[in-house]
C-alpha cells in the first residue's frame, strides 16, 4: 500500500463499511507478544462488568500503555471510546485516565480539570499529581511542577517524586542536580518500565550536558531492556542523528513506519544517506500530516516542523509549525525546533519565546546555547 501511495498522489474515495461489525484491519502480532491474549481478557472483563469503573479503567490503561509502546494512535481512540460509553459516576482512576487522554490531544486545561476532579475524590491519588506535574513541565511552569513533586514525596511515592523532581531541576537550569536526582532514583527502582523511563531521561540529560559517551551508555541500557517504547526510540534516534549516525537510525527504525514521530526521523535519516526509500516515506508523512490537519489533530506539530525543515527543505512552513507547536508545548525539544527553524528562515524575532525561556530558565544545553548565539 505504501508503494501505491508513493506512485499515485491522487486520493481515492473514502471507503464506507457495510456494517459496524465488519473487520477493516487486523493489527499484526509480534513474536512473543502476549498483548493480544491480555487485551482479550481485559475486554471480556469490561464487557461482563459494564458498570465497574475498575474493569473499564484496567482496559483503558492498557490501551494507553500500548499507544506509548507502539506509537499507534488508534489505541488512544479505543480508550476514549471506552470512557465515553461509561455512564456511571467516574472514579478517581477514570478521571485520571480521561485527563491523560485529553493531554495526549494537547487539551492541557481539560486534563488539569480531570486531575483536579480525581484528587477531589481521592486526595492521595498519586498518579493525578504525577500527571499534573508532567503538564506543568510541558508548559514550563516549574514552580507549579515542583508543588506536584512535593505532593508525591509527602505520599511516600519516592520513584515518582524523583522522576518529577529530576526533570523539574533539569528544565529549570540545573542539569547536574537533575541528573543526580534521576540517577539516585534509578538506583532504588526495580520496575522495568520505570527503569526504561529513567534511563531514557538520563540519556537526554547527559547529552544536554555535552557528555555523549555517558548518554550512549544510558540509551544502550534502556534499549537492552527489550521493551517497545516510542519515546525511547525517538530520543535515541535524535541522539544518533546529532552525532552523524543516520545509517544507524535507518536500521533502528526500519520496522516502525506506523509511528508518525519515528517515521519523521526515519525519513530525515534516509534523506541524509540518499536512501531510495526516502521519497516514499516523505509521501507517507505528507499524507498523514494532511489527514491530521483535516481532523484538527495538533499532537505532532513539532515533528511536522522538523519534517518540513529537514526532509522537505521548507523553512518558512517549518517555522510556522514550530511557532504553533510552541504555543502548546514548551519543553526543551520544542524550544530547539523553534530555534532551528527560525535560524533557517532567518527570522530571529520568531524565536523570541524560546530565547526568553532560555534566559529565564537558564537551561544549560550546550547545543541550544549555540543555536541562540547563532540567532544573535
Protein backbone atom coordinates (compact mmCIF):
# COMPACT_ATOMS: atom_id res chain seq x y z
CA UNK A 1 0.00 0.00 0.00
CA UNK A 2 2.86 2.38 0.76
CA UNK A 3 4.23 1.80 -2.73
CA UNK A 4 0.86 2.55 -4.28
CA UNK A 5 0.57 5.76 -2.30
CA UNK A 6 4.00 6.89 -3.44
CA UNK A 7 3.21 6.13 -7.07
CA UNK A 8 -0.27 7.63 -7.18
CA UNK A 9 -0.74 11.02 -5.49
CA UNK A 10 -4.46 11.19 -6.29
CA UNK A 11 -6.86 10.38 -3.42
CA UNK A 12 -9.35 7.52 -3.56
CA UNK A 13 -12.94 7.90 -2.43
CA UNK A 14 -13.47 7.12 1.27
CA UNK A 15 -14.48 3.52 1.94
CA UNK A 16 -17.72 3.03 3.89
CA UNK A 17 -18.05 -0.30 5.75
CA UNK A 18 -21.30 -2.15 5.17
CA UNK A 19 -21.87 -2.76 8.91
CA UNK A 20 -20.46 -1.90 12.33
CA UNK A 21 -19.27 -5.48 12.75
CA UNK A 22 -17.12 -5.51 9.60
CA UNK A 23 -13.39 -6.02 10.31
CA UNK A 24 -11.31 -3.44 8.42
CA UNK A 25 -7.84 -4.45 9.55
CA UNK A 26 -6.12 -6.83 11.93
CA UNK A 27 -3.02 -5.41 13.56
CA UNK A 28 -0.01 -7.71 13.10
CA UNK A 29 1.27 -9.59 16.10
CA UNK A 30 4.90 -9.71 17.21
CA UNK A 31 6.94 -12.72 18.23
CA UNK A 32 6.48 -13.37 21.93
CA UNK A 33 3.80 -10.67 22.17
CA UNK A 34 1.23 -11.52 24.86
CA UNK A 35 -0.84 -8.35 24.48
CA UNK A 36 -3.47 -9.94 22.23
CA UNK A 37 -4.42 -12.50 24.87
CA UNK A 38 -4.17 -9.91 27.64
CA UNK A 39 -6.43 -7.48 25.77
CA UNK A 40 -8.97 -10.20 25.11
CA UNK A 41 -9.13 -10.97 28.83
CA UNK A 42 -9.44 -7.29 29.77
CA UNK A 43 -12.15 -6.73 27.14
CA UNK A 44 -14.08 -9.73 28.45
CA UNK A 45 -13.88 -8.38 32.00
CA UNK A 46 -15.02 -4.94 30.87
CA UNK A 47 -17.96 -6.40 28.90
CA UNK A 48 -19.05 -8.59 31.79
CA UNK A 49 -18.99 -5.66 34.22
CA UNK A 50 -20.05 -2.57 32.22
CA UNK A 51 -20.77 -0.57 35.38
CA UNK A 52 -17.49 -1.50 37.11
CA UNK A 53 -15.15 1.50 36.96
CA UNK A 54 -12.10 -0.63 37.82
CA UNK A 55 -12.69 -3.03 34.92
CA UNK A 56 -13.11 -0.17 32.44
CA UNK A 57 -10.04 1.60 33.82
CA UNK A 58 -7.86 -1.50 33.51
CA UNK A 59 -8.70 -1.89 29.82
CA UNK A 60 -8.38 1.82 29.07
CA UNK A 61 -5.00 1.98 30.80
CA UNK A 62 -3.75 -0.98 28.79
CA UNK A 63 -4.78 0.77 25.58
CA UNK A 64 -2.82 3.87 26.68
CA UNK A 65 0.23 1.75 27.50
CA UNK A 66 0.12 0.16 24.05
CA UNK A 67 -0.16 3.57 22.40
CA UNK A 68 3.02 4.64 24.18
CA UNK A 69 4.82 1.41 23.32
CA UNK A 70 3.87 1.26 19.66
CA UNK A 71 3.03 4.82 18.68
CA UNK A 72 -0.31 3.77 17.23
CA UNK A 73 -2.95 6.47 17.97
CA UNK A 74 -5.79 4.01 17.38
CA UNK A 75 -5.27 2.69 20.90
CA UNK A 76 -5.97 6.19 22.22
CA UNK A 77 -9.21 6.15 20.23
CA UNK A 78 -10.16 2.79 21.76
CA UNK A 79 -9.59 4.11 25.28
CA UNK A 80 -11.50 7.29 24.51
CA UNK A 81 -14.49 5.37 23.17
CA UNK A 82 -14.48 3.08 26.19
CA UNK A 83 -14.73 6.02 28.62
CA UNK A 84 -17.42 7.75 26.57
CA UNK A 85 -19.60 4.66 26.85
CA UNK A 86 -19.25 4.51 30.63
CA UNK A 87 -22.37 6.15 32.08
CA UNK A 88 -21.76 5.66 35.81
CA UNK A 89 -20.02 8.23 38.04
CA UNK A 90 -16.30 8.36 37.40
CA UNK A 91 -13.79 7.12 39.95
CA UNK A 92 -10.52 8.95 40.65
CA UNK A 93 -8.83 6.43 38.36
CA UNK A 94 -11.22 7.09 35.47
CA UNK A 95 -10.92 10.88 35.85
CA UNK A 96 -7.13 10.47 35.70
CA UNK A 97 -7.29 8.29 32.61
CA UNK A 98 -9.59 10.79 30.88
CA UNK A 99 -7.14 13.54 31.83
CA UNK A 100 -4.31 11.54 30.25
CA UNK A 101 -6.32 11.17 27.05
CA UNK A 102 -7.03 14.90 26.99
CA UNK A 103 -3.39 15.85 27.46
CA UNK A 104 -2.49 13.43 24.67
CA UNK A 105 -4.59 15.67 22.38
CA UNK A 106 -2.95 18.78 23.88
CA UNK A 107 -6.10 19.72 25.81
CA UNK A 108 -3.94 20.50 28.81
CA UNK A 109 -6.54 22.62 30.57
CA UNK A 110 -9.11 19.85 30.27
CA UNK A 111 -6.56 17.37 31.56
CA UNK A 112 -5.79 19.53 34.59
CA UNK A 113 -9.50 19.78 35.36
CA UNK A 114 -9.84 16.00 35.28
CA UNK A 115 -6.84 15.52 37.54
CA UNK A 116 -8.33 18.04 39.97
CA UNK A 117 -11.56 16.03 39.98
CA UNK A 118 -9.59 12.86 40.69
CA UNK A 119 -7.84 14.48 43.65
CA UNK A 120 -11.14 15.82 44.93
CA UNK A 121 -12.37 12.23 45.13
CA UNK A 122 -9.07 10.88 46.45
CA UNK A 123 -6.55 13.48 47.68
CA UNK A 124 -3.88 10.77 47.88
CA UNK A 125 -4.21 9.56 44.29
CA UNK A 126 -0.55 9.89 43.30
CA UNK A 127 -0.97 9.34 39.56
CA UNK A 128 -3.07 12.50 39.29
CA UNK A 129 -0.30 14.51 40.98
CA UNK A 130 2.30 12.95 38.67
CA UNK A 131 0.35 13.83 35.53
CA UNK A 132 -0.30 17.38 36.75
CA UNK A 133 3.45 17.72 37.25
CA UNK A 134 4.05 16.44 33.72
CA UNK A 135 1.70 19.02 32.21
CA UNK A 136 3.26 21.86 34.18
CA UNK A 137 6.68 20.77 32.92
CA UNK A 138 5.40 20.79 29.33
CA UNK A 139 4.06 24.31 29.91
CA UNK A 140 7.34 25.44 31.54
CA UNK A 141 5.55 26.26 34.82
CA UNK A 142 8.30 24.96 37.09
CA UNK A 143 7.01 26.31 40.44
CA UNK A 144 3.69 24.50 39.85
CA UNK A 145 5.54 21.33 38.81
CA UNK A 146 7.62 21.44 41.99
CA UNK A 147 4.44 21.56 44.10
CA UNK A 148 3.31 18.32 42.49
CA UNK A 149 6.74 16.79 43.11
CA UNK A 150 6.45 17.69 46.80
CA UNK A 151 2.96 16.19 46.94
CA UNK A 152 4.36 12.92 45.60
CA UNK A 153 7.08 12.96 48.24
CA UNK A 154 4.54 13.54 51.02
CA UNK A 155 2.61 10.49 49.75
CA UNK A 156 5.73 8.35 50.02
CA UNK A 157 5.96 7.79 46.25
CA UNK A 158 9.72 8.10 46.05
CA UNK A 159 10.14 6.90 42.45
CA UNK A 160 7.50 9.29 41.11
CA UNK A 161 8.90 12.08 43.27
CA UNK A 162 12.44 11.52 42.00
CA UNK A 163 11.34 11.43 38.37
CA UNK A 164 9.29 14.60 38.77
CA UNK A 165 11.95 16.50 40.71
CA UNK A 166 14.81 15.44 38.43
CA UNK A 167 13.12 16.83 35.34
CA UNK A 168 11.98 19.98 37.13
CA UNK A 169 15.56 20.66 38.23
CA UNK A 170 16.97 20.00 34.76
CA UNK A 171 14.42 22.10 32.90
CA UNK A 172 14.80 24.97 35.34
CA UNK A 173 18.53 25.35 34.80
CA UNK A 174 20.32 22.83 37.00
CA UNK A 175 21.20 19.87 34.81
CA UNK A 176 23.68 18.35 37.23
CA UNK A 177 21.23 18.28 40.14
CA UNK A 178 18.52 16.89 37.87
CA UNK A 179 20.86 14.23 36.53
CA UNK A 180 21.92 13.16 40.03
CA UNK A 181 18.32 13.04 41.25
CA UNK A 182 17.32 10.75 38.37
CA UNK A 183 20.43 8.61 38.90
CA UNK A 184 19.63 8.21 42.61
CA UNK A 185 16.05 7.29 41.75
CA UNK A 186 17.25 4.68 39.26
CA UNK A 187 19.37 3.00 41.93
CA UNK A 188 16.29 2.27 44.05
CA UNK A 189 13.84 1.41 41.25
CA UNK A 190 13.14 -2.18 40.25
CA UNK A 191 10.22 -1.77 37.83
CA UNK A 192 11.41 -2.40 34.26
CA UNK A 193 9.07 0.26 32.86
CA UNK A 194 10.28 2.85 35.37
CA UNK A 195 13.91 1.97 34.73
CA UNK A 196 13.41 2.38 30.99
CA UNK A 197 11.88 5.84 31.52
CA UNK A 198 14.69 6.91 33.88
CA UNK A 199 17.48 5.60 31.63
CA UNK A 200 15.97 7.41 28.65
CA UNK A 201 15.78 10.69 30.53
CA UNK A 202 19.31 10.22 31.88
CA UNK A 203 20.48 9.79 28.29
CA UNK A 204 18.81 13.06 27.34
CA UNK A 205 20.30 14.94 30.28
CA UNK A 206 23.80 13.59 29.67
CA UNK A 207 23.55 14.64 26.01
CA UNK A 208 22.44 18.13 27.07
CA UNK A 209 25.47 18.28 29.36
CA UNK A 210 27.78 17.54 26.43
CA UNK A 211 28.65 14.03 27.64
CA UNK A 212 27.84 11.85 24.61
CA UNK A 213 29.68 8.76 25.87
CA UNK A 214 27.63 8.75 29.09
CA UNK A 215 24.42 9.39 27.17
CA UNK A 216 25.20 6.50 24.85
CA UNK A 217 25.61 4.16 27.83
CA UNK A 218 22.23 5.14 29.27
CA UNK A 219 20.47 4.67 25.95
CA UNK A 220 22.16 1.31 25.41
CA UNK A 221 20.97 0.11 28.83
CA UNK A 222 17.44 1.28 28.09
CA UNK A 223 17.43 -0.49 24.71
CA UNK A 224 18.78 -3.66 26.32
CA UNK A 225 15.60 -3.93 28.40
CA UNK A 226 13.92 -5.11 25.20
CA UNK A 227 10.68 -3.18 25.65
CA UNK A 228 8.87 -1.36 22.87
CA UNK A 229 8.76 2.35 23.67
CA UNK A 230 8.30 5.09 21.09
CA UNK A 231 9.74 7.85 23.29
CA UNK A 232 12.94 5.87 23.84
CA UNK A 233 13.31 5.15 20.13
CA UNK A 234 12.72 8.82 19.29
CA UNK A 235 15.23 10.10 21.85
CA UNK A 236 17.86 7.52 20.85
CA UNK A 237 17.33 8.35 17.16
CA UNK A 238 17.72 12.08 17.84
CA UNK A 239 20.98 11.38 19.67
CA UNK A 240 22.25 9.30 16.74
CA UNK A 241 21.26 11.97 14.23
CA UNK A 242 23.02 14.65 16.30
CA UNK A 243 26.15 12.50 16.21
CA UNK A 244 26.17 11.81 12.47
CA UNK A 245 24.85 8.24 12.63
CA UNK A 246 21.99 8.40 10.14
CA UNK A 247 22.58 4.85 8.89
CA UNK A 248 22.10 3.52 12.41
CA UNK A 249 18.79 5.39 12.61
CA UNK A 250 17.59 3.78 9.39
CA UNK A 251 18.48 0.36 10.75
CA UNK A 252 16.83 1.12 14.10
CA UNK A 253 13.55 2.43 12.72
CA UNK A 254 13.02 0.41 9.54
CA UNK A 255 10.17 -1.56 11.14
CA UNK A 256 8.46 1.46 12.73
CA UNK A 257 6.62 3.12 9.84
CA UNK A 258 3.35 3.01 11.80
CA UNK A 259 4.54 5.58 14.38
CA UNK A 260 4.46 9.08 12.89
CA UNK A 261 7.12 10.52 15.19
CA UNK A 262 9.52 7.71 14.30
CA UNK A 263 8.70 7.84 10.60
CA UNK A 264 9.77 11.50 10.60
CA UNK A 265 13.16 10.55 11.99
CA UNK A 266 13.46 7.65 9.55
CA UNK A 267 12.70 9.92 6.59
CA UNK A 268 15.24 12.51 7.78
CA UNK A 269 17.92 9.84 8.20
CA UNK A 270 17.15 8.31 4.79
CA UNK A 271 17.47 11.73 3.18
CA UNK A 272 20.89 12.20 4.75
CA UNK A 273 22.19 8.97 3.21
CA UNK A 274 20.27 9.31 -0.11
CA UNK A 275 18.26 6.18 0.52
CA UNK A 276 15.85 5.15 -2.28
CA UNK A 277 13.12 4.78 0.38
CA UNK A 278 13.31 8.44 1.42
CA UNK A 279 10.78 9.73 -1.12
CA UNK A 280 8.26 7.00 -0.29
CA UNK A 281 8.40 7.91 3.39
CA UNK A 282 8.18 11.64 2.67
CA UNK A 283 5.00 10.97 0.68
CA UNK A 284 3.58 8.87 3.51
CA UNK A 285 4.25 11.63 6.01
CA UNK A 286 2.77 14.29 3.75
CA UNK A 287 -0.47 12.31 3.60
CA UNK A 288 -0.52 11.59 7.33
CA UNK A 289 0.03 15.20 8.30
CA UNK A 290 -2.65 16.32 5.87
CA UNK A 291 -5.06 13.85 7.46
CA UNK A 292 -4.11 15.10 10.94
CA UNK A 293 -4.86 18.70 9.94
CA UNK A 294 -8.21 17.63 8.49
CA UNK A 295 -9.29 16.20 11.84
CA UNK A 296 -7.81 19.04 13.93
CA UNK A 297 -5.03 16.90 15.41
CA UNK A 298 -2.14 19.02 16.74
CA UNK A 299 -0.21 16.28 18.54
CA UNK A 300 2.68 16.11 16.05
CA UNK A 301 3.33 19.75 15.20
CA UNK A 302 6.96 19.62 16.36
CA UNK A 303 7.60 16.51 14.26
CA UNK A 304 5.90 18.08 11.27
CA UNK A 305 8.07 21.19 11.68
CA UNK A 306 11.19 19.02 11.65
CA UNK A 307 9.86 17.17 8.61
CA UNK A 308 9.31 20.41 6.69
CA UNK A 309 12.73 21.76 7.66
CA UNK A 310 14.98 18.73 7.33
CA UNK A 311 13.16 16.49 4.84
CA UNK A 312 11.26 18.91 2.59
CA UNK A 313 13.65 21.89 2.99
CA UNK A 314 10.83 24.39 3.55
CA UNK A 315 11.99 26.66 6.41
CA UNK A 316 9.05 29.08 6.18
CA UNK A 317 6.45 26.35 6.67
CA UNK A 318 8.63 24.70 9.31
CA UNK A 319 8.84 27.93 11.29
CA UNK A 320 5.08 28.46 11.19
CA UNK A 321 4.50 24.95 12.53
CA UNK A 322 7.19 25.33 15.20
CA UNK A 323 5.59 28.57 16.40
CA UNK A 324 2.18 26.92 16.55
CA UNK A 325 3.64 23.99 18.46
CA UNK A 326 5.40 26.24 20.99
CA UNK A 327 2.06 27.78 21.88
CA UNK A 328 1.03 24.31 23.15
CA UNK A 329 4.28 22.73 24.31
CA UNK A 330 7.36 24.39 25.75
CA UNK A 331 9.70 21.55 26.63
CA UNK A 332 13.39 21.81 25.66
CA UNK A 333 12.89 19.80 22.44
CA UNK A 334 10.14 22.22 21.39
CA UNK A 335 12.37 25.21 22.02
CA UNK A 336 15.12 23.63 19.94
CA UNK A 337 12.80 23.10 16.98
CA UNK A 338 11.71 26.74 17.18
CA UNK A 339 15.31 27.96 17.31
CA UNK A 340 16.42 25.78 14.40
CA UNK A 341 13.51 26.79 12.17
CA UNK A 342 13.96 30.48 12.99
CA UNK A 343 17.63 30.27 12.03
CA UNK A 344 16.81 28.52 8.75
CA UNK A 345 14.09 31.07 7.93
CA UNK A 346 16.30 33.97 9.05
CA UNK A 347 13.58 35.20 11.40
CA UNK A 348 15.20 35.98 14.74
CA UNK A 349 12.11 37.63 16.23
CA UNK A 350 10.06 34.46 15.68
CA UNK A 351 12.29 32.62 18.16
CA UNK A 352 11.81 35.21 20.92
CA UNK A 353 9.64 32.93 23.13
CA UNK A 354 12.34 30.24 23.12
CA UNK A 355 15.10 32.78 23.67
CA UNK A 356 13.17 34.29 26.58
CA UNK A 357 12.73 30.81 28.08
CA UNK A 358 16.45 30.09 27.74
CA UNK A 359 17.25 33.33 29.55
CA UNK A 360 14.69 32.92 32.34
CA UNK A 361 15.20 29.20 32.97
CA UNK A 362 18.98 29.25 32.45
CA UNK A 363 18.62 25.88 30.73
CA UNK A 364 22.14 24.56 30.18
CA UNK A 365 22.01 22.53 26.94
CA UNK A 366 25.16 23.40 25.01
CA UNK A 367 23.64 22.82 21.60
CA UNK A 368 20.73 25.17 22.29
CA UNK A 369 23.03 27.81 23.70
CA UNK A 370 24.95 27.66 20.41
CA UNK A 371 21.71 28.00 18.44
CA UNK A 372 20.81 31.08 20.48
CA UNK A 373 24.23 32.54 19.76
CA UNK A 374 23.69 31.97 16.02
CA UNK A 375 20.41 33.87 16.21
CA UNK A 376 22.08 36.76 17.99
